[in-house]
Protein backbone atom coordinates (compact mmCIF):
# COMPACT_ATOMS: atom_id res chain seq x y z
CA MET A 1 -78.18 35.09 -29.75
CA THR A 2 -74.80 36.82 -29.56
CA THR A 3 -73.16 37.56 -32.90
CA ARG A 4 -69.44 36.90 -32.80
CA ARG A 5 -67.29 39.40 -34.62
CA ALA A 6 -64.62 37.74 -36.76
CA PRO A 7 -61.09 39.08 -36.41
CA ALA A 8 -59.66 41.23 -39.18
CA LEU A 9 -58.53 39.29 -42.24
CA ASP A 10 -54.84 38.46 -42.29
CA PRO A 11 -53.64 38.67 -45.92
CA THR A 12 -50.94 36.11 -45.16
CA ASP A 13 -53.55 33.65 -43.86
CA PRO A 14 -56.91 34.83 -45.21
CA LEU A 15 -58.79 31.64 -44.32
CA GLY A 16 -57.37 31.38 -40.81
CA ILE A 17 -55.76 28.01 -41.50
CA ASP A 18 -53.32 28.55 -38.64
CA ASP A 19 -56.28 28.13 -36.30
CA LEU A 20 -56.56 24.52 -37.48
CA LEU A 21 -52.98 23.65 -36.52
CA GLU A 22 -51.97 22.16 -33.18
CA PRO A 23 -49.50 24.08 -30.97
CA GLU A 24 -46.80 21.45 -31.62
CA GLU A 25 -47.28 21.83 -35.39
CA ILE A 26 -46.94 25.60 -35.16
CA ALA A 27 -43.83 25.24 -32.98
CA ILE A 28 -42.24 22.88 -35.51
CA ARG A 29 -43.15 25.21 -38.36
CA ASP A 30 -41.65 28.20 -36.61
CA SER A 31 -38.43 26.41 -35.65
CA VAL A 32 -37.95 25.12 -39.21
CA ARG A 33 -38.59 28.58 -40.63
CA ALA A 34 -36.11 30.17 -38.21
CA MET A 35 -33.40 27.68 -39.19
CA LEU A 36 -34.06 28.21 -42.91
CA ASP A 37 -34.05 31.99 -42.52
CA ALA A 38 -30.66 31.79 -40.84
CA GLU A 39 -28.88 29.09 -42.86
CA VAL A 40 -30.61 28.77 -46.25
CA GLU A 41 -32.40 31.94 -47.36
CA PRO A 42 -29.28 34.15 -47.49
CA HIS A 43 -27.53 31.67 -49.81
CA VAL A 44 -30.06 29.62 -51.75
CA ALA A 45 -30.23 31.87 -54.82
CA GLU A 46 -26.43 31.62 -55.14
CA TRP A 47 -26.56 27.84 -54.70
CA PHE A 48 -29.14 27.67 -57.46
CA GLU A 49 -27.06 29.89 -59.74
CA THR A 50 -23.81 27.99 -59.18
CA GLY A 51 -25.36 24.54 -58.96
CA GLU A 52 -23.45 23.89 -55.74
CA VAL A 53 -25.01 23.26 -52.32
CA PRO A 54 -23.31 22.42 -48.97
CA ALA A 55 -25.45 19.31 -48.59
CA ARG A 56 -23.51 17.63 -45.77
CA ASP A 57 -23.52 20.74 -43.59
CA LEU A 58 -27.23 21.22 -44.21
CA MET A 59 -27.99 17.59 -43.42
CA ARG A 60 -26.28 17.91 -40.05
CA SER A 61 -28.31 21.04 -39.32
CA PHE A 62 -31.52 19.28 -40.32
CA GLY A 63 -30.52 16.35 -38.13
CA LYS A 64 -29.96 18.59 -35.11
CA LEU A 65 -33.44 20.02 -35.66
CA GLY A 66 -34.92 16.51 -35.80
CA LEU A 67 -36.21 16.82 -39.38
CA LEU A 68 -34.65 13.68 -40.87
CA GLY A 69 -37.12 10.81 -40.70
CA MET A 70 -39.11 12.95 -38.28
CA HIS A 71 -42.36 11.03 -38.86
CA LEU A 72 -40.73 7.65 -38.06
CA GLU A 73 -40.69 6.04 -34.62
CA GLY A 74 -37.55 5.01 -32.77
CA TYR A 75 -33.90 4.74 -33.84
CA GLY A 76 -33.25 8.41 -33.10
CA CYS A 77 -36.23 9.63 -35.11
CA ALA A 78 -38.56 12.27 -33.69
CA GLY A 79 -41.80 10.33 -34.14
CA THR A 80 -43.94 13.33 -35.03
CA SER A 81 -47.33 13.21 -36.73
CA ALA A 82 -47.65 13.09 -40.49
CA THR A 83 -49.25 16.53 -40.37
CA ALA A 84 -46.27 17.99 -38.53
CA TYR A 85 -43.97 16.46 -41.13
CA GLY A 86 -46.09 18.02 -43.86
CA VAL A 87 -45.93 21.44 -42.23
CA ALA A 88 -42.13 21.11 -42.15
CA CYS A 89 -42.08 20.14 -45.84
CA LEU A 90 -44.06 23.25 -46.72
CA GLU A 91 -41.50 25.45 -44.98
CA LEU A 92 -38.56 23.60 -46.55
CA GLU A 93 -39.93 24.02 -50.07
CA ALA A 94 -40.81 27.65 -49.43
CA SER A 95 -37.04 28.04 -49.38
CA ASP A 96 -36.36 25.71 -52.32
CA SER A 97 -37.69 22.46 -53.80
CA GLY A 98 -34.17 21.07 -53.80
CA ILE A 99 -33.86 21.63 -50.06
CA ARG A 100 -37.16 19.84 -49.40
CA SER A 101 -36.15 17.05 -51.78
CA MET A 102 -32.91 16.52 -49.88
CA VAL A 103 -34.82 15.99 -46.63
CA SER A 104 -37.64 14.01 -48.27
CA VAL A 105 -35.34 11.51 -50.00
CA GLN A 106 -33.41 10.98 -46.79
CA GLY A 107 -36.44 10.45 -44.57
CA SER A 108 -39.36 9.31 -46.71
CA LEU A 109 -37.46 7.15 -49.20
CA ALA A 110 -34.12 5.86 -47.91
CA MET A 111 -34.88 5.85 -44.18
CA PHE A 112 -38.49 4.78 -44.61
CA ALA A 113 -37.45 1.79 -46.74
CA ILE A 114 -35.03 0.58 -44.07
CA TRP A 115 -37.47 1.37 -41.25
CA ALA A 116 -40.42 -0.40 -42.90
CA PHE A 117 -38.70 -3.34 -44.60
CA GLY A 118 -35.24 -3.72 -43.11
CA SER A 119 -33.85 -6.15 -40.58
CA GLU A 120 -33.22 -5.03 -37.03
CA ALA A 121 -29.50 -5.05 -37.75
CA GLN A 122 -29.97 -2.80 -40.80
CA LYS A 123 -32.11 -0.42 -38.77
CA GLN A 124 -29.62 -0.24 -35.93
CA GLU A 125 -26.70 0.28 -38.29
CA TRP A 126 -28.15 3.06 -40.43
CA LEU A 127 -31.20 4.82 -39.02
CA PRO A 128 -29.64 6.60 -35.99
CA ARG A 129 -26.81 7.97 -38.13
CA MET A 130 -29.22 9.00 -40.88
CA ALA A 131 -31.54 10.70 -38.38
CA SER A 132 -28.64 12.80 -37.09
CA GLY A 133 -27.44 13.69 -40.58
CA GLU A 134 -24.14 11.94 -40.02
CA ALA A 135 -24.97 9.48 -42.83
CA ILE A 136 -26.72 10.47 -46.05
CA GLY A 137 -28.97 8.10 -47.96
CA CYS A 138 -30.35 7.88 -51.48
CA PHE A 139 -33.01 5.77 -53.18
CA GLY A 140 -32.13 3.94 -56.39
CA LEU A 141 -35.29 3.14 -58.34
CA THR A 142 -35.49 5.23 -61.54
CA GLU A 143 -33.39 4.06 -64.49
CA PRO A 144 -32.54 5.60 -67.87
CA ASP A 145 -35.23 3.44 -69.50
CA ALA A 146 -37.55 2.82 -66.54
CA GLY A 147 -39.27 5.84 -65.00
CA SER A 148 -43.05 5.64 -64.86
CA ASP A 149 -42.85 1.88 -65.44
CA PRO A 150 -40.57 0.58 -62.65
CA ALA A 151 -41.46 -3.00 -63.56
CA GLY A 152 -39.25 -2.47 -66.59
CA MET A 153 -36.10 -1.94 -64.53
CA ARG A 154 -33.01 -3.65 -65.86
CA THR A 155 -30.84 -3.63 -62.75
CA GLN A 156 -30.26 -7.26 -61.79
CA ALA A 157 -29.29 -8.91 -58.53
CA ARG A 158 -28.18 -12.54 -58.60
CA GLN A 159 -27.44 -14.65 -55.56
CA GLU A 160 -24.37 -16.82 -55.76
CA PRO A 161 -24.01 -20.28 -54.16
CA GLY A 162 -22.22 -18.86 -51.12
CA GLY A 163 -25.13 -16.51 -50.44
CA ASP A 164 -23.58 -13.25 -51.63
CA TRP A 165 -25.58 -10.98 -53.91
CA VAL A 166 -24.05 -9.38 -57.03
CA LEU A 167 -25.74 -6.28 -58.46
CA ASP A 168 -25.38 -4.84 -61.95
CA GLY A 169 -27.24 -1.89 -63.40
CA THR A 170 -27.69 1.86 -63.68
CA LYS A 171 -29.95 4.26 -61.81
CA MET A 172 -30.67 7.80 -63.00
CA TRP A 173 -31.83 11.12 -61.52
CA ILE A 174 -31.02 10.03 -57.97
CA THR A 175 -31.21 12.81 -55.36
CA ASN A 176 -28.25 12.76 -52.93
CA GLY A 177 -26.71 9.97 -55.06
CA SER A 178 -23.14 11.25 -55.43
CA ILE A 179 -22.79 12.22 -51.75
CA ALA A 180 -24.65 9.32 -50.15
CA ASP A 181 -23.13 6.95 -47.64
CA VAL A 182 -25.81 4.33 -48.25
CA ALA A 183 -28.10 3.61 -51.19
CA VAL A 184 -31.35 1.67 -51.11
CA VAL A 185 -31.23 0.01 -54.52
CA TRP A 186 -34.10 -1.91 -56.14
CA ALA A 187 -33.25 -4.72 -58.53
CA GLN A 188 -34.79 -7.65 -60.37
CA THR A 189 -34.15 -11.07 -58.85
CA THR A 190 -35.47 -14.54 -59.62
CA ASP A 191 -38.08 -13.92 -56.90
CA GLY A 192 -39.15 -10.51 -58.21
CA VAL A 193 -38.06 -6.98 -57.32
CA ARG A 194 -36.03 -6.78 -54.09
CA GLY A 195 -34.44 -3.91 -52.20
CA PHE A 196 -30.81 -3.85 -51.11
CA VAL A 197 -28.93 -1.75 -48.58
CA VAL A 198 -25.74 -0.77 -50.40
CA PRO A 199 -22.91 1.08 -48.63
CA THR A 200 -21.60 3.43 -51.30
CA ASP A 201 -17.95 2.60 -50.57
CA THR A 202 -18.58 -0.94 -51.87
CA ALA A 203 -16.36 -1.87 -54.81
CA GLY A 204 -18.12 -1.41 -58.14
CA PHE A 205 -20.47 1.33 -56.92
CA THR A 206 -20.09 4.82 -58.35
CA GLY A 207 -22.27 7.91 -58.06
CA THR A 208 -21.66 10.74 -60.54
CA ALA A 209 -23.29 14.13 -60.19
CA ILE A 210 -25.50 15.23 -63.09
CA LYS A 211 -24.64 18.72 -64.30
CA HIS A 212 -26.23 21.21 -66.72
CA LYS A 213 -29.61 21.13 -64.99
CA MET A 214 -31.93 24.11 -65.27
CA SER A 215 -34.12 22.91 -62.40
CA LEU A 216 -33.41 21.72 -58.84
CA ARG A 217 -29.97 23.25 -59.12
CA ALA A 218 -29.69 23.65 -55.33
CA SER A 219 -29.85 19.87 -55.04
CA VAL A 220 -27.47 16.98 -55.67
CA THR A 221 -28.69 14.75 -58.51
CA ALA A 222 -26.69 11.76 -59.68
CA GLU A 223 -26.34 8.71 -61.88
CA LEU A 224 -25.57 5.49 -60.00
CA VAL A 225 -23.64 2.67 -61.68
CA LEU A 226 -23.44 -0.77 -60.08
CA ASP A 227 -20.80 -2.87 -61.79
CA GLY A 228 -20.51 -6.25 -60.13
CA VAL A 229 -21.31 -4.83 -56.69
CA ARG A 230 -20.91 -7.73 -54.25
CA LEU A 231 -22.98 -7.65 -51.07
CA PRO A 232 -23.43 -10.13 -48.21
CA ALA A 233 -26.58 -12.22 -48.05
CA ASP A 234 -28.05 -10.01 -45.33
CA ALA A 235 -27.89 -6.86 -47.48
CA VAL A 236 -31.35 -7.56 -48.88
CA LEU A 237 -34.38 -5.89 -47.26
CA PRO A 238 -36.03 -9.00 -45.78
CA GLU A 239 -39.59 -7.78 -45.23
CA VAL A 240 -40.79 -7.06 -48.76
CA THR A 241 -40.76 -8.58 -52.22
CA GLY A 242 -42.16 -6.98 -55.36
CA LEU A 243 -43.00 -3.45 -56.45
CA LYS A 244 -45.16 -2.80 -53.37
CA GLY A 245 -41.87 -2.04 -51.58
CA PRO A 246 -40.64 0.88 -53.65
CA LEU A 247 -44.17 2.08 -54.44
CA SER A 248 -45.08 2.36 -50.76
CA CYS A 249 -41.92 4.42 -50.24
CA LEU A 250 -42.96 6.67 -53.12
CA SER A 251 -46.34 7.23 -51.48
CA GLU A 252 -44.55 8.48 -48.37
CA ALA A 253 -42.44 10.90 -50.40
CA ARG A 254 -45.36 12.04 -52.57
CA TYR A 255 -47.26 12.97 -49.44
CA GLY A 256 -44.46 15.38 -48.54
CA ILE A 257 -44.68 16.92 -52.01
CA VAL A 258 -48.39 17.65 -51.49
CA TRP A 259 -47.34 20.03 -48.71
CA GLY A 260 -44.04 21.12 -50.17
CA ALA A 261 -45.43 22.39 -53.46
CA MET A 262 -47.60 24.80 -51.50
CA GLY A 263 -44.45 26.19 -49.91
CA ALA A 264 -43.02 27.12 -53.30
CA ALA A 265 -46.41 28.58 -54.24
CA ARG A 266 -46.62 30.59 -51.03
CA SER A 267 -43.17 32.06 -51.51
CA SER A 268 -43.99 33.15 -55.07
CA TYR A 269 -47.41 34.52 -54.12
CA GLU A 270 -45.95 36.52 -51.23
CA ALA A 271 -43.24 37.91 -53.49
CA ALA A 272 -45.86 38.97 -56.03
CA ARG A 273 -48.14 40.55 -53.43
CA ALA A 274 -45.29 42.53 -51.88
CA TYR A 275 -43.98 43.63 -55.27
CA ALA A 276 -47.41 44.72 -56.46
CA GLY A 277 -47.75 46.96 -53.42
CA THR A 278 -44.53 48.85 -54.12
CA ARG A 279 -44.22 48.81 -57.92
CA THR A 280 -45.70 52.04 -59.28
CA GLN A 281 -47.00 52.49 -62.83
CA PHE A 282 -49.24 55.24 -64.21
CA GLY A 283 -49.03 56.99 -60.88
CA ALA A 284 -50.31 54.13 -58.70
CA PRO A 285 -49.06 50.84 -57.25
CA ILE A 286 -49.94 48.02 -59.62
CA ALA A 287 -51.78 46.33 -56.73
CA ALA A 288 -54.46 48.97 -57.29
CA PHE A 289 -55.17 47.73 -60.83
CA GLN A 290 -58.06 45.33 -61.34
CA LEU A 291 -56.11 42.81 -63.43
CA THR A 292 -53.35 42.60 -60.82
CA GLN A 293 -55.90 42.11 -58.05
CA ALA A 294 -57.54 39.36 -60.10
CA LYS A 295 -54.18 37.58 -60.35
CA LEU A 296 -53.53 37.93 -56.62
CA ALA A 297 -57.03 36.72 -55.76
CA ASP A 298 -56.71 33.66 -58.02
CA MET A 299 -53.29 32.84 -56.58
CA ALA A 300 -54.59 33.18 -53.02
CA LEU A 301 -57.57 30.94 -53.81
CA GLU A 302 -55.50 28.09 -55.20
CA LEU A 303 -52.78 28.45 -52.57
CA ASN A 304 -55.18 28.23 -49.66
CA LYS A 305 -57.27 25.46 -51.23
CA GLY A 306 -54.06 23.49 -51.75
CA ILE A 307 -52.99 23.96 -48.12
CA LEU A 308 -56.43 22.86 -46.94
CA LEU A 309 -56.18 19.75 -49.14
CA ALA A 310 -52.74 18.98 -47.71
CA LEU A 311 -54.03 19.48 -44.17
CA HIS A 312 -57.01 17.20 -44.82
CA LEU A 313 -54.73 14.46 -46.16
CA GLY A 314 -52.38 14.93 -43.23
CA ARG A 315 -55.14 14.58 -40.65
CA ARG A 316 -56.51 11.55 -42.49
CA LYS A 317 -53.04 9.97 -42.69
CA ASP A 318 -52.65 10.44 -38.94
CA ARG A 319 -56.08 8.97 -38.14
CA VAL A 320 -56.72 6.14 -40.60
CA GLY A 321 -53.96 6.23 -43.20
CA LEU A 322 -54.02 7.20 -46.87
CA ARG A 323 -54.62 5.19 -49.98
CA PRO A 324 -52.17 5.81 -52.85
CA GLU A 325 -55.02 7.24 -54.91
CA GLN A 326 -55.63 9.88 -52.25
CA VAL A 327 -51.98 10.88 -52.33
CA SER A 328 -52.32 11.17 -56.12
CA PHE A 329 -55.21 13.60 -55.65
CA GLY A 330 -52.92 15.81 -53.57
CA LYS A 331 -49.80 15.54 -55.70
CA LEU A 332 -51.60 16.12 -59.00
CA ASN A 333 -53.61 19.10 -57.78
CA ASN A 334 -51.06 20.86 -55.63
CA VAL A 335 -48.06 20.67 -57.94
CA ARG A 336 -50.14 21.70 -60.95
CA GLU A 337 -51.66 24.67 -59.10
CA ALA A 338 -48.34 25.64 -57.49
CA LEU A 339 -46.72 25.82 -60.91
CA GLU A 340 -49.54 28.03 -62.20
CA ILE A 341 -49.21 30.29 -59.15
CA CYS A 342 -45.49 30.69 -59.83
CA ARG A 343 -46.10 31.46 -63.50
CA THR A 344 -48.71 34.05 -62.60
CA ALA A 345 -46.45 35.59 -59.97
CA ARG A 346 -43.77 35.89 -62.62
CA THR A 347 -46.08 38.04 -64.73
CA VAL A 348 -46.81 40.33 -61.79
CA LEU A 349 -43.09 40.94 -61.35
CA GLY A 350 -42.57 41.53 -65.06
CA ALA A 351 -38.91 41.48 -66.08
CA ASN A 352 -37.89 41.28 -62.42
CA GLY A 353 -39.67 37.93 -62.31
CA ILE A 354 -36.76 36.28 -64.14
CA SER A 355 -34.15 37.62 -61.73
CA LEU A 356 -32.73 35.53 -58.91
CA GLU A 357 -33.07 38.64 -56.76
CA TYR A 358 -36.59 37.27 -56.31
CA PRO A 359 -37.51 33.61 -55.64
CA VAL A 360 -40.18 33.26 -58.33
CA ILE A 361 -38.25 32.01 -61.38
CA ARG A 362 -36.29 29.61 -59.16
CA HIS A 363 -39.48 28.10 -57.76
CA MET A 364 -41.02 27.99 -61.23
CA ASN A 365 -38.06 26.12 -62.70
CA ASN A 366 -37.95 23.73 -59.75
CA LEU A 367 -41.62 22.87 -60.00
CA GLU A 368 -41.17 21.84 -63.61
CA SER A 369 -39.21 18.91 -62.15
CA VAL A 370 -41.57 18.33 -59.23
CA LEU A 371 -44.41 18.08 -61.78
CA THR A 372 -42.90 14.92 -63.27
CA TYR A 373 -40.80 13.30 -60.56
CA GLU A 374 -42.20 10.72 -58.15
CA GLY A 375 -45.06 10.18 -60.56
CA THR A 376 -45.82 12.33 -63.59
CA SER A 377 -49.07 14.26 -63.76
CA GLU A 378 -50.21 11.78 -66.41
CA MET A 379 -49.60 8.81 -64.11
CA HIS A 380 -51.42 10.41 -61.20
CA THR A 381 -54.32 11.26 -63.50
CA LEU A 382 -54.56 7.61 -64.52
CA ILE A 383 -54.26 6.41 -60.91
CA ILE A 384 -57.24 8.61 -60.01
CA GLY A 385 -59.07 7.56 -63.17
CA GLN A 386 -58.70 3.88 -62.33
CA ALA A 387 -59.88 4.51 -58.77
CA LEU A 388 -62.99 6.27 -60.08
CA THR A 389 -63.87 3.80 -62.84
CA GLY A 390 -62.32 0.52 -61.78
CA LEU A 391 -60.69 0.28 -65.20
CA PRO A 392 -56.91 0.45 -65.73
CA ALA A 393 -55.70 2.66 -68.58
CA PHE A 394 -51.94 2.53 -68.17
CA ARG A 395 -51.10 0.69 -71.39
CA PRO A 396 -51.91 1.73 -74.93
CA SER A 397 -54.69 -0.35 -76.44
CA GLN A 398 -53.57 -3.28 -78.53
CA GLY A 399 -55.26 -2.94 -81.91
């Protein structure tokens, strides 16, 4: 028997995960990274510091690269695999969670809702322009008093005798909301929750940017107000009624987070590893100290386990599809571990860890939002708990 000699360990890919990727996936990864290195990396720390981001210019660049709705078929979308989309999300969030969120909300929430549940006319009107980045979309589900419990939404849509719909309500924490050309808005009707395609230039619709954030600052976040917004009868998404509509969209977006969180973790880990090799204390680089090596080893373990989990879910999604509970496994684990990696990386950098000269504190602050948006860690824990026991535990016991 011939013994095969393994190649030397690559510290940037110690488990050889690249060997599990298809050539197309590697090509997409490399093209996304090249675009980000040219157009995002030189500026993203300043965008985070100022709270301003050239979202429209970036969307057009992402559209030219085929990233917007890339996992959807037809209507100008690239039609890639779910795994390829995940690989792209990892690279996007390695630059910044806000950048990945911008792409994710466009493709996995707004575009996916229209693609999966819209009429042919709605698809033809919006999807090609959204795929190119010419039109920006947002997804209006969360409200000031309805986050984890979307069934408690107060936004109402009533249909008048002539067939028109009239929408009233408020949506909160909406990515892309103040710059969007179209909003997919979910509202209560007499038939249950329905989705509506709302052009943002419709009278009564306003989107106001939310300021004073300490997280996701390189991202547009807004409050949407719908005050007597009148829409034609065909503005409703015809193919879905009830919460399964918005929740299925959230599963699409959460899948991207499973990958994306590992991008933020990778960026912070790589910054810590590089810093430890050059920072000298007591006459030696701190990478030579046992406690620093223990931190780097733990970060590398969780980073690579998280990427393997994302890759497993991606392959499964491509072959047989994913259950929401499986997406919860990925979102809960990977965001939680990514945040811990960033916090540990911050300690390796010491005081420099809080400087925007390095990406670590920016990723750490961003992940505090990623931890709770599109399903809090508590909600994903309970989703998994119900799947394992068959018993729901979402409401406090009535005693």
